[in-house]
């Protein structure tokens, strides 16, 4: 990884990929996770039920992995190319406290999510990802993004309880 403008190495983010291979499982990961974190990520990277609910073909999930002192932010995609019904791919960013401290624009992390396919070799999931510089700058949110984003982030950072954002589908609406 090349140094930043000030000569420092960029902050990296570990990540994991879950998908179907004789069952839903971890396919690749750039770091070693504790057993409990592996179990939590396995369950939360899958979908419940035999079919995909319309409107949730892609969605985000965030949850703590306290044993490894990480926060997992996953993006899940429906995998219709797979022979088994209900398969998904989930690419999960594993955010350390150091990453959380410098990320000012969570939307800047969206570029890091990579949708795999059945033809992927998953080799690029074994190396950490560089934190994009635009994620460390103050966010500029459109007015229609401000309230939902502010509500979710405030809830996540002000409580240790699970936070749920209920909607008819995975899109943020007014």
N, C-alpha and C. Protein backbone atom coordinates (compact mmCIF):
# COMPACT_ATOMS: atom_id res chain seq x y z
N UNK A 1 0.84 -1.16 0.00
CA UNK A 1 0.00 0.00 0.00
C UNK A 1 0.89 1.23 0.00
N UNK A 2 0.60 2.19 -0.83
CA UNK A 2 1.46 3.37 -0.93
C UNK A 2 1.13 4.37 0.18
N UNK A 3 2.15 5.11 0.63
CA UNK A 3 1.95 6.09 1.71
C UNK A 3 1.00 7.21 1.28
N UNK A 4 0.41 7.87 2.28
CA UNK A 4 -0.45 9.03 2.02
C UNK A 4 0.43 10.24 1.76
N UNK A 5 -0.22 11.40 1.50
CA UNK A 5 0.53 12.62 1.20
C UNK A 5 1.50 13.01 2.31
N UNK A 6 1.15 12.71 3.58
CA UNK A 6 2.03 13.07 4.69
C UNK A 6 3.08 11.99 4.97
N UNK A 7 3.17 10.97 4.11
CA UNK A 7 4.18 9.93 4.24
C UNK A 7 3.79 8.76 5.13
N UNK A 8 2.61 8.81 5.74
CA UNK A 8 2.15 7.73 6.62
C UNK A 8 1.47 6.64 5.81
N UNK A 9 1.49 5.44 6.34
CA UNK A 9 0.75 4.35 5.72
C UNK A 9 -0.74 4.58 5.97
N UNK A 10 -1.60 4.33 4.97
CA UNK A 10 -3.04 4.54 5.18
C UNK A 10 -3.59 3.53 6.18
N UNK A 11 -4.61 3.93 6.90
CA UNK A 11 -5.29 3.03 7.83
C UNK A 11 -6.00 1.96 7.01
N UNK A 12 -5.92 0.72 7.46
CA UNK A 12 -6.57 -0.35 6.73
C UNK A 12 -7.76 -0.90 7.51
N UNK A 13 -8.62 -1.55 6.78
CA UNK A 13 -9.82 -2.17 7.35
C UNK A 13 -9.81 -3.64 6.93
N UNK A 14 -9.98 -4.52 7.91
CA UNK A 14 -10.13 -5.93 7.58
C UNK A 14 -11.54 -6.17 7.08
N UNK A 15 -11.73 -7.29 6.41
CA UNK A 15 -13.05 -7.59 5.85
C UNK A 15 -13.22 -9.10 5.70
N UNK A 16 -14.48 -9.50 5.55
CA UNK A 16 -14.82 -10.92 5.42
C UNK A 16 -15.88 -11.08 4.33
N UNK A 17 -15.92 -12.26 3.76
CA UNK A 17 -16.90 -12.58 2.74
C UNK A 17 -17.60 -13.88 3.12
N UNK A 18 -18.91 -13.84 3.19
CA UNK A 18 -19.73 -15.02 3.43
C UNK A 18 -20.57 -15.29 2.20
N UNK A 19 -20.84 -16.56 1.96
CA UNK A 19 -21.68 -16.95 0.83
C UNK A 19 -21.93 -18.44 0.87
N UNK A 20 -22.50 -18.94 -0.20
CA UNK A 20 -22.88 -20.35 -0.24
C UNK A 20 -21.78 -21.20 -0.87
N UNK A 21 -21.39 -22.24 -0.13
CA UNK A 21 -20.48 -23.28 -0.62
C UNK A 21 -20.76 -24.51 0.25
N UNK A 22 -21.70 -25.35 -0.20
CA UNK A 22 -22.19 -26.47 0.61
C UNK A 22 -22.72 -25.96 1.95
N UNK A 23 -23.51 -24.92 1.90
CA UNK A 23 -24.06 -24.25 3.08
C UNK A 23 -23.51 -22.84 3.17
N UNK A 24 -24.21 -21.98 3.90
CA UNK A 24 -23.74 -20.61 4.07
C UNK A 24 -22.54 -20.65 5.01
N UNK A 25 -21.43 -20.04 4.55
CA UNK A 25 -20.22 -20.10 5.38
C UNK A 25 -19.27 -18.97 5.05
N UNK A 26 -18.24 -18.83 5.88
CA UNK A 26 -17.18 -17.86 5.65
C UNK A 26 -16.33 -18.36 4.49
N UNK A 27 -16.19 -17.54 3.45
CA UNK A 27 -15.41 -17.92 2.27
C UNK A 27 -14.01 -17.34 2.30
N UNK A 28 -13.86 -16.15 2.89
CA UNK A 28 -12.55 -15.50 2.95
C UNK A 28 -12.59 -14.43 4.04
N UNK A 29 -11.43 -14.17 4.64
CA UNK A 29 -11.33 -13.14 5.66
C UNK A 29 -9.89 -12.66 5.74
N UNK A 30 -9.70 -11.36 5.94
CA UNK A 30 -8.34 -10.81 5.97
C UNK A 30 -7.72 -10.83 7.36
N UNK A 31 -8.45 -11.35 8.36
CA UNK A 31 -7.92 -11.44 9.71
C UNK A 31 -8.49 -12.67 10.40
N UNK A 32 -7.89 -13.04 11.49
CA UNK A 32 -8.39 -14.17 12.29
C UNK A 32 -9.39 -13.63 13.30
N UNK A 33 -10.58 -14.19 13.31
CA UNK A 33 -11.62 -13.80 14.25
C UNK A 33 -11.79 -14.86 15.33
N UNK A 34 -12.21 -14.43 16.52
CA UNK A 34 -12.50 -15.39 17.59
C UNK A 34 -13.64 -16.29 17.16
N UNK A 35 -13.79 -17.39 17.85
CA UNK A 35 -14.89 -18.32 17.55
C UNK A 35 -16.25 -17.66 17.68
N UNK A 36 -16.40 -16.87 18.76
CA UNK A 36 -17.69 -16.20 18.99
C UNK A 36 -17.98 -15.18 17.88
N UNK A 37 -16.97 -14.43 17.45
CA UNK A 37 -17.16 -13.47 16.36
C UNK A 37 -17.48 -14.18 15.06
N UNK A 38 -16.82 -15.31 14.80
CA UNK A 38 -17.12 -16.09 13.60
C UNK A 38 -18.57 -16.56 13.61
N UNK A 39 -19.02 -17.02 14.76
CA UNK A 39 -20.40 -17.52 14.89
C UNK A 39 -21.40 -16.39 14.68
N UNK A 40 -21.16 -15.24 15.31
CA UNK A 40 -22.05 -14.09 15.17
C UNK A 40 -22.12 -13.64 13.71
N UNK A 41 -20.95 -13.49 13.08
CA UNK A 41 -20.90 -13.04 11.69
C UNK A 41 -21.58 -14.04 10.75
N UNK A 42 -21.43 -15.32 11.02
CA UNK A 42 -22.06 -16.33 10.18
C UNK A 42 -23.58 -16.18 10.20
N UNK A 43 -24.14 -16.03 11.39
CA UNK A 43 -25.60 -15.90 11.52
C UNK A 43 -26.09 -14.60 10.91
N UNK A 44 -25.40 -13.49 11.20
CA UNK A 44 -25.89 -12.18 10.76
C UNK A 44 -25.55 -11.84 9.32
N UNK A 45 -24.76 -12.70 8.66
CA UNK A 45 -24.47 -12.47 7.24
C UNK A 45 -25.42 -13.25 6.34
N UNK A 46 -26.29 -14.02 6.94
CA UNK A 46 -27.25 -14.80 6.17
C UNK A 46 -28.62 -14.13 6.27
N UNK A 47 -29.58 -14.62 5.53
CA UNK A 47 -30.95 -14.14 5.64
C UNK A 47 -31.78 -15.25 6.25
N UNK A 48 -32.85 -14.87 6.93
CA UNK A 48 -33.70 -15.89 7.51
C UNK A 48 -34.84 -16.19 6.55
N UNK A 49 -35.24 -17.42 6.53
CA UNK A 49 -36.34 -17.82 5.67
C UNK A 49 -35.86 -18.34 4.33
N UNK A 50 -36.73 -19.04 3.63
CA UNK A 50 -36.34 -19.68 2.38
C UNK A 50 -36.33 -18.77 1.16
N UNK A 51 -36.94 -17.58 1.25
CA UNK A 51 -37.01 -16.72 0.07
C UNK A 51 -36.57 -15.30 0.41
N UNK A 52 -36.25 -14.56 -0.62
CA UNK A 52 -35.86 -13.16 -0.47
C UNK A 52 -37.12 -12.31 -0.46
N UNK A 53 -37.26 -11.45 0.53
CA UNK A 53 -38.39 -10.53 0.61
C UNK A 53 -38.18 -9.41 -0.39
N UNK A 54 -39.13 -9.14 -1.26
CA UNK A 54 -38.97 -8.04 -2.22
C UNK A 54 -38.63 -6.73 -1.51
N UNK A 55 -37.69 -6.00 -2.08
CA UNK A 55 -37.24 -4.75 -1.48
C UNK A 55 -35.99 -4.93 -0.63
N UNK A 56 -35.62 -6.18 -0.34
CA UNK A 56 -34.43 -6.46 0.47
C UNK A 56 -33.42 -7.29 -0.31
N UNK A 57 -33.37 -7.10 -1.63
CA UNK A 57 -32.40 -7.82 -2.45
C UNK A 57 -30.97 -7.43 -2.04
N UNK A 58 -30.81 -6.21 -1.57
CA UNK A 58 -29.56 -5.79 -0.92
C UNK A 58 -29.95 -5.06 0.36
N UNK A 59 -29.12 -5.22 1.38
CA UNK A 59 -29.35 -4.49 2.62
C UNK A 59 -28.06 -4.45 3.43
N UNK A 60 -28.04 -3.57 4.43
CA UNK A 60 -26.88 -3.41 5.30
C UNK A 60 -27.21 -3.92 6.70
N UNK A 61 -26.21 -4.45 7.36
CA UNK A 61 -26.34 -4.91 8.73
C UNK A 61 -25.11 -4.43 9.49
N UNK A 62 -25.31 -3.91 10.69
CA UNK A 62 -24.19 -3.51 11.53
C UNK A 62 -24.33 -4.12 12.90
N UNK A 63 -23.23 -4.59 13.46
CA UNK A 63 -23.28 -5.23 14.78
C UNK A 63 -21.87 -5.27 15.38
N UNK A 64 -21.80 -5.28 16.72
CA UNK A 64 -20.48 -5.35 17.37
C UNK A 64 -19.97 -6.78 17.43
N UNK A 65 -18.65 -6.90 17.42
CA UNK A 65 -17.97 -8.18 17.67
C UNK A 65 -17.06 -7.93 18.87
N UNK A 66 -17.65 -7.94 20.08
CA UNK A 66 -16.90 -7.51 21.28
C UNK A 66 -15.65 -8.33 21.58
N UNK A 67 -15.64 -9.62 21.29
CA UNK A 67 -14.46 -10.44 21.57
C UNK A 67 -13.23 -9.96 20.80
N UNK A 68 -13.45 -9.39 19.62
CA UNK A 68 -12.35 -8.92 18.79
C UNK A 68 -12.26 -7.39 18.76
N UNK A 69 -13.12 -6.73 19.55
CA UNK A 69 -13.15 -5.27 19.62
C UNK A 69 -13.28 -4.65 18.23
N UNK A 70 -14.27 -5.16 17.50
CA UNK A 70 -14.55 -4.70 16.14
C UNK A 70 -16.02 -4.37 16.02
N UNK A 71 -16.33 -3.53 15.03
CA UNK A 71 -17.71 -3.31 14.63
C UNK A 71 -17.83 -3.79 13.20
N UNK A 72 -18.78 -4.68 12.95
CA UNK A 72 -18.98 -5.25 11.62
C UNK A 72 -20.06 -4.47 10.89
N UNK A 73 -19.76 -4.07 9.67
CA UNK A 73 -20.72 -3.40 8.80
C UNK A 73 -20.78 -4.21 7.52
N UNK A 74 -21.90 -4.90 7.31
CA UNK A 74 -22.02 -5.81 6.18
C UNK A 74 -23.04 -5.36 5.15
N UNK A 75 -22.73 -5.67 3.91
CA UNK A 75 -23.70 -5.47 2.82
C UNK A 75 -24.01 -6.84 2.24
N UNK A 76 -25.30 -7.14 2.16
CA UNK A 76 -25.77 -8.43 1.68
C UNK A 76 -26.50 -8.26 0.36
N UNK A 77 -26.19 -9.16 -0.57
CA UNK A 77 -26.86 -9.18 -1.88
C UNK A 77 -27.52 -10.54 -2.07
N UNK A 78 -28.70 -10.53 -2.62
CA UNK A 78 -29.36 -11.76 -3.06
C UNK A 78 -28.49 -12.37 -4.16
N UNK A 79 -28.33 -13.68 -4.18
CA UNK A 79 -27.47 -14.36 -5.16
C UNK A 79 -28.31 -15.26 -6.07
N UNK A 80 -29.07 -14.66 -6.99
CA UNK A 80 -29.96 -15.47 -7.84
C UNK A 80 -29.19 -16.39 -8.79
N UNK A 81 -27.89 -16.12 -9.00
CA UNK A 81 -27.10 -16.97 -9.90
C UNK A 81 -26.77 -18.34 -9.28
N UNK A 82 -27.00 -18.47 -7.97
CA UNK A 82 -26.72 -19.74 -7.30
C UNK A 82 -27.89 -20.69 -7.50
N UNK A 83 -27.59 -21.99 -7.59
CA UNK A 83 -28.62 -22.99 -7.84
C UNK A 83 -29.59 -23.13 -6.66
N UNK A 84 -29.10 -22.93 -5.47
CA UNK A 84 -29.95 -23.10 -4.28
C UNK A 84 -30.73 -21.81 -4.02
N UNK A 85 -32.02 -21.92 -3.78
CA UNK A 85 -32.89 -20.78 -3.52
C UNK A 85 -32.52 -20.14 -2.19
N UNK A 86 -32.52 -18.82 -2.14
CA UNK A 86 -32.28 -18.10 -0.89
C UNK A 86 -30.83 -17.80 -0.59
N UNK A 87 -29.92 -18.08 -1.52
CA UNK A 87 -28.50 -17.81 -1.29
C UNK A 87 -28.22 -16.31 -1.31
N UNK A 88 -27.24 -15.91 -0.51
CA UNK A 88 -26.81 -14.52 -0.47
C UNK A 88 -25.29 -14.46 -0.42
N UNK A 89 -24.77 -13.28 -0.78
CA UNK A 89 -23.38 -12.92 -0.57
C UNK A 89 -23.39 -11.80 0.46
N UNK A 90 -22.47 -11.84 1.40
CA UNK A 90 -22.32 -10.72 2.33
C UNK A 90 -20.85 -10.35 2.44
N UNK A 91 -20.55 -9.10 2.11
CA UNK A 91 -19.21 -8.56 2.28
C UNK A 91 -19.26 -7.69 3.53
N UNK A 92 -18.41 -7.99 4.51
CA UNK A 92 -18.45 -7.32 5.80
C UNK A 92 -17.15 -6.58 6.06
N UNK A 93 -17.26 -5.29 6.36
CA UNK A 93 -16.11 -4.49 6.78
C UNK A 93 -15.97 -4.66 8.29
N UNK A 94 -14.76 -4.90 8.76
CA UNK A 94 -14.50 -5.12 10.18
C UNK A 94 -13.76 -3.89 10.71
N UNK A 95 -14.50 -2.99 11.33
CA UNK A 95 -13.97 -1.69 11.73
C UNK A 95 -13.38 -1.74 13.13
N UNK A 96 -12.10 -1.43 13.24
CA UNK A 96 -11.45 -1.33 14.54
C UNK A 96 -11.82 -0.01 15.19
N UNK A 97 -11.49 0.14 16.48
CA UNK A 97 -11.73 1.42 17.15
C UNK A 97 -10.97 2.54 16.45
N UNK A 98 -9.75 2.27 15.98
CA UNK A 98 -8.95 3.28 15.28
C UNK A 98 -9.67 3.74 14.01
N UNK A 99 -10.27 2.82 13.28
CA UNK A 99 -11.00 3.19 12.06
C UNK A 99 -12.25 3.99 12.41
N UNK A 100 -12.97 3.55 13.43
CA UNK A 100 -14.20 4.25 13.83
C UNK A 100 -13.89 5.68 14.26
N UNK A 101 -12.75 5.87 14.93
CA UNK A 101 -12.38 7.22 15.39
C UNK A 101 -12.12 8.18 14.25
N UNK A 102 -11.61 7.70 13.12
CA UNK A 102 -11.27 8.61 12.03
C UNK A 102 -12.33 8.68 10.94
N UNK A 103 -13.26 7.74 10.89
CA UNK A 103 -14.31 7.78 9.87
C UNK A 103 -15.32 8.85 10.26
N UNK A 104 -15.42 9.86 9.44
CA UNK A 104 -16.39 10.93 9.67
C UNK A 104 -17.56 10.82 8.70
N UNK A 105 -17.37 10.09 7.62
CA UNK A 105 -18.42 9.95 6.62
C UNK A 105 -18.62 8.46 6.34
N UNK A 106 -19.58 7.88 7.04
CA UNK A 106 -19.84 6.45 6.88
C UNK A 106 -20.23 6.12 5.44
N UNK A 107 -20.81 7.08 4.72
CA UNK A 107 -21.16 6.86 3.33
C UNK A 107 -19.90 6.69 2.47
N UNK A 108 -18.77 7.22 2.94
CA UNK A 108 -17.50 7.06 2.24
C UNK A 108 -16.99 5.62 2.24
N UNK A 109 -17.54 4.78 3.11
CA UNK A 109 -17.15 3.37 3.16
C UNK A 109 -17.86 2.54 2.10
N UNK A 110 -18.93 3.07 1.53
CA UNK A 110 -19.74 2.30 0.58
C UNK A 110 -18.93 1.80 -0.62
N UNK A 111 -17.94 2.57 -1.03
CA UNK A 111 -17.11 2.17 -2.18
C UNK A 111 -16.30 0.91 -1.90
N UNK A 112 -16.12 0.56 -0.63
CA UNK A 112 -15.32 -0.62 -0.29
C UNK A 112 -16.08 -1.93 -0.49
N UNK A 113 -17.40 -1.87 -0.48
CA UNK A 113 -18.17 -3.11 -0.63
C UNK A 113 -18.05 -3.64 -2.05
N UNK A 114 -17.75 -4.93 -2.15
CA UNK A 114 -17.56 -5.58 -3.45
C UNK A 114 -18.54 -6.75 -3.55
N UNK A 115 -19.39 -6.70 -4.56
CA UNK A 115 -20.34 -7.79 -4.76
C UNK A 115 -19.65 -8.92 -5.51
N UNK A 116 -19.54 -10.09 -4.88
CA UNK A 116 -18.93 -11.22 -5.56
C UNK A 116 -19.93 -11.91 -6.49
N UNK A 117 -19.46 -12.93 -7.14
CA UNK A 117 -20.35 -13.76 -7.95
C UNK A 117 -19.86 -15.20 -7.81
N UNK A 118 -20.61 -16.11 -8.39
CA UNK A 118 -20.23 -17.53 -8.32
C UNK A 118 -18.90 -17.77 -9.02
N UNK A 119 -18.49 -16.87 -9.91
CA UNK A 119 -17.24 -17.03 -10.65
C UNK A 119 -16.04 -16.38 -9.94
N UNK A 120 -16.28 -15.69 -8.81
CA UNK A 120 -15.20 -15.01 -8.08
C UNK A 120 -14.23 -16.03 -7.48
N UNK A 121 -12.95 -15.63 -7.39
CA UNK A 121 -11.99 -16.52 -6.73
C UNK A 121 -11.74 -16.11 -5.28
N UNK A 122 -12.26 -14.96 -4.85
CA UNK A 122 -12.20 -14.46 -3.48
C UNK A 122 -10.79 -14.16 -2.99
N UNK A 123 -9.79 -14.21 -3.86
CA UNK A 123 -8.40 -13.96 -3.45
C UNK A 123 -8.17 -12.58 -2.90
N UNK A 124 -8.91 -11.57 -3.40
CA UNK A 124 -8.69 -10.21 -2.91
C UNK A 124 -9.28 -9.98 -1.52
N UNK A 125 -10.00 -10.95 -0.97
CA UNK A 125 -10.57 -10.81 0.37
C UNK A 125 -9.59 -11.20 1.47
N UNK A 126 -8.40 -11.63 1.12
CA UNK A 126 -7.45 -12.04 2.13
C UNK A 126 -6.51 -10.91 2.54
N UNK A 127 -6.56 -9.76 1.86
CA UNK A 127 -5.73 -8.61 2.20
C UNK A 127 -6.62 -7.49 2.73
N UNK A 128 -6.17 -6.75 3.75
CA UNK A 128 -6.97 -5.63 4.25
C UNK A 128 -7.19 -4.57 3.18
N UNK A 129 -8.22 -3.77 3.35
CA UNK A 129 -8.57 -2.69 2.43
C UNK A 129 -8.07 -1.37 2.99
N UNK A 130 -7.64 -0.49 2.12
CA UNK A 130 -7.23 0.86 2.55
C UNK A 130 -8.48 1.69 2.82
N UNK A 131 -8.48 2.40 3.94
CA UNK A 131 -9.58 3.29 4.25
C UNK A 131 -9.56 4.45 3.27
N UNK A 132 -10.63 4.68 2.52
CA UNK A 132 -10.63 5.78 1.55
C UNK A 132 -10.51 7.13 2.25
N UNK A 133 -9.72 8.02 1.69
CA UNK A 133 -9.51 9.33 2.32
C UNK A 133 -10.81 10.12 2.41
N UNK A 134 -11.72 9.94 1.45
CA UNK A 134 -12.98 10.69 1.50
C UNK A 134 -13.87 10.24 2.66
N UNK A 135 -13.60 9.08 3.27
CA UNK A 135 -14.37 8.63 4.42
C UNK A 135 -13.93 9.32 5.71
N UNK A 136 -12.75 9.94 5.67
CA UNK A 136 -12.24 10.60 6.88
C UNK A 136 -12.53 12.09 6.90
N UNK A 137 -13.22 12.58 5.89
CA UNK A 137 -13.62 13.98 5.85
C UNK A 137 -15.06 14.11 6.33
N UNK A 138 -15.42 15.28 6.76
CA UNK A 138 -16.78 15.53 7.23
C UNK A 138 -17.78 15.23 6.11
N UNK A 139 -18.87 14.55 6.45
CA UNK A 139 -19.84 14.18 5.43
C UNK A 139 -20.65 15.37 4.94
N UNK A 140 -21.02 15.29 3.68
CA UNK A 140 -21.95 16.25 3.09
C UNK A 140 -23.16 15.42 2.68
N UNK A 141 -24.20 15.53 3.47
CA UNK A 141 -25.40 14.73 3.22
C UNK A 141 -26.46 15.58 2.55
N UNK A 142 -27.12 14.96 1.59
CA UNK A 142 -28.30 15.61 1.01
C UNK A 142 -29.34 15.72 2.11
N UNK A 143 -30.24 16.67 2.01
CA UNK A 143 -31.23 16.89 3.07
C UNK A 143 -32.10 15.66 3.29
N UNK A 144 -32.37 14.86 2.24
CA UNK A 144 -33.20 13.66 2.41
C UNK A 144 -32.43 12.53 3.10
N UNK A 145 -31.10 12.64 3.22
CA UNK A 145 -30.30 11.63 3.91
C UNK A 145 -30.04 12.00 5.36
N UNK A 146 -30.13 13.27 5.69
CA UNK A 146 -29.67 13.73 6.99
C UNK A 146 -30.42 13.11 8.16
N UNK A 147 -31.73 13.17 8.18
CA UNK A 147 -32.46 12.71 9.35
C UNK A 147 -32.33 11.20 9.57
N UNK A 148 -32.57 10.34 8.57
CA UNK A 148 -32.40 8.90 8.82
C UNK A 148 -30.97 8.55 9.24
N UNK A 149 -29.98 9.13 8.56
CA UNK A 149 -28.59 8.83 8.89
C UNK A 149 -28.26 9.30 10.30
N UNK A 150 -28.68 10.51 10.65
CA UNK A 150 -28.42 11.04 11.99
C UNK A 150 -29.09 10.18 13.05
N UNK A 151 -30.32 9.76 12.82
CA UNK A 151 -31.04 8.93 13.79
C UNK A 151 -30.35 7.60 14.03
N UNK A 152 -29.96 6.94 12.94
CA UNK A 152 -29.31 5.64 13.06
C UNK A 152 -27.96 5.77 13.76
N UNK A 153 -27.14 6.73 13.33
CA UNK A 153 -25.80 6.88 13.92
C UNK A 153 -25.88 7.29 15.38
N UNK A 154 -26.82 8.18 15.74
CA UNK A 154 -26.99 8.57 17.13
C UNK A 154 -27.38 7.36 17.97
N UNK A 155 -28.30 6.56 17.48
CA UNK A 155 -28.73 5.37 18.22
C UNK A 155 -27.58 4.37 18.38
N UNK A 156 -26.80 4.17 17.32
CA UNK A 156 -25.70 3.22 17.38
C UNK A 156 -24.64 3.63 18.39
N UNK A 157 -24.32 4.91 18.43
CA UNK A 157 -23.23 5.37 19.28
C UNK A 157 -23.66 5.78 20.68
N UNK A 158 -24.96 5.77 20.98
CA UNK A 158 -25.39 6.22 22.30
C UNK A 158 -25.98 5.10 23.15
N UNK A 159 -25.98 3.88 22.66
CA UNK A 159 -26.55 2.77 23.42
C UNK A 159 -25.77 1.49 23.16
N UNK A 160 -25.88 0.57 24.08
CA UNK A 160 -25.28 -0.75 23.88
C UNK A 160 -26.34 -1.77 23.48
N UNK A 161 -27.57 -1.30 23.30
CA UNK A 161 -28.67 -2.17 22.92
C UNK A 161 -28.74 -2.28 21.40
N UNK A 162 -29.35 -3.36 20.88
CA UNK A 162 -29.53 -3.47 19.43
C UNK A 162 -30.36 -2.30 18.90
N UNK A 163 -30.05 -1.88 17.69
CA UNK A 163 -30.77 -0.78 17.05
C UNK A 163 -31.40 -1.33 15.78
N UNK A 164 -32.69 -1.07 15.60
CA UNK A 164 -33.39 -1.53 14.42
C UNK A 164 -33.96 -0.33 13.69
N UNK A 165 -33.82 -0.31 12.39
CA UNK A 165 -34.40 0.72 11.54
C UNK A 165 -35.45 0.01 10.71
N UNK A 166 -36.70 0.26 10.99
CA UNK A 166 -37.80 -0.46 10.37
C UNK A 166 -38.27 0.28 9.12
N UNK A 167 -38.43 -0.46 8.03
CA UNK A 167 -38.91 0.13 6.80
C UNK A 167 -39.62 -0.91 5.97
N UNK A 168 -40.36 -0.46 4.99
CA UNK A 168 -41.06 -1.38 4.12
C UNK A 168 -40.10 -2.14 3.23
N UNK A 169 -38.96 -1.50 2.91
CA UNK A 169 -37.92 -2.17 2.15
C UNK A 169 -36.57 -1.58 2.57
N UNK A 170 -35.51 -1.96 1.90
CA UNK A 170 -34.17 -1.57 2.32
C UNK A 170 -33.78 -0.16 1.91
N UNK A 171 -34.62 0.53 1.15
CA UNK A 171 -34.32 1.90 0.75
C UNK A 171 -34.76 2.85 1.85
N UNK A 172 -34.00 3.92 2.04
CA UNK A 172 -34.39 4.97 2.97
C UNK A 172 -35.41 5.84 2.27
N UNK A 173 -36.52 6.08 2.93
CA UNK A 173 -37.55 6.92 2.33
C UNK A 173 -37.91 8.03 3.29
N UNK A 174 -38.66 9.00 2.80
CA UNK A 174 -39.07 10.14 3.63
C UNK A 174 -40.02 9.71 4.73
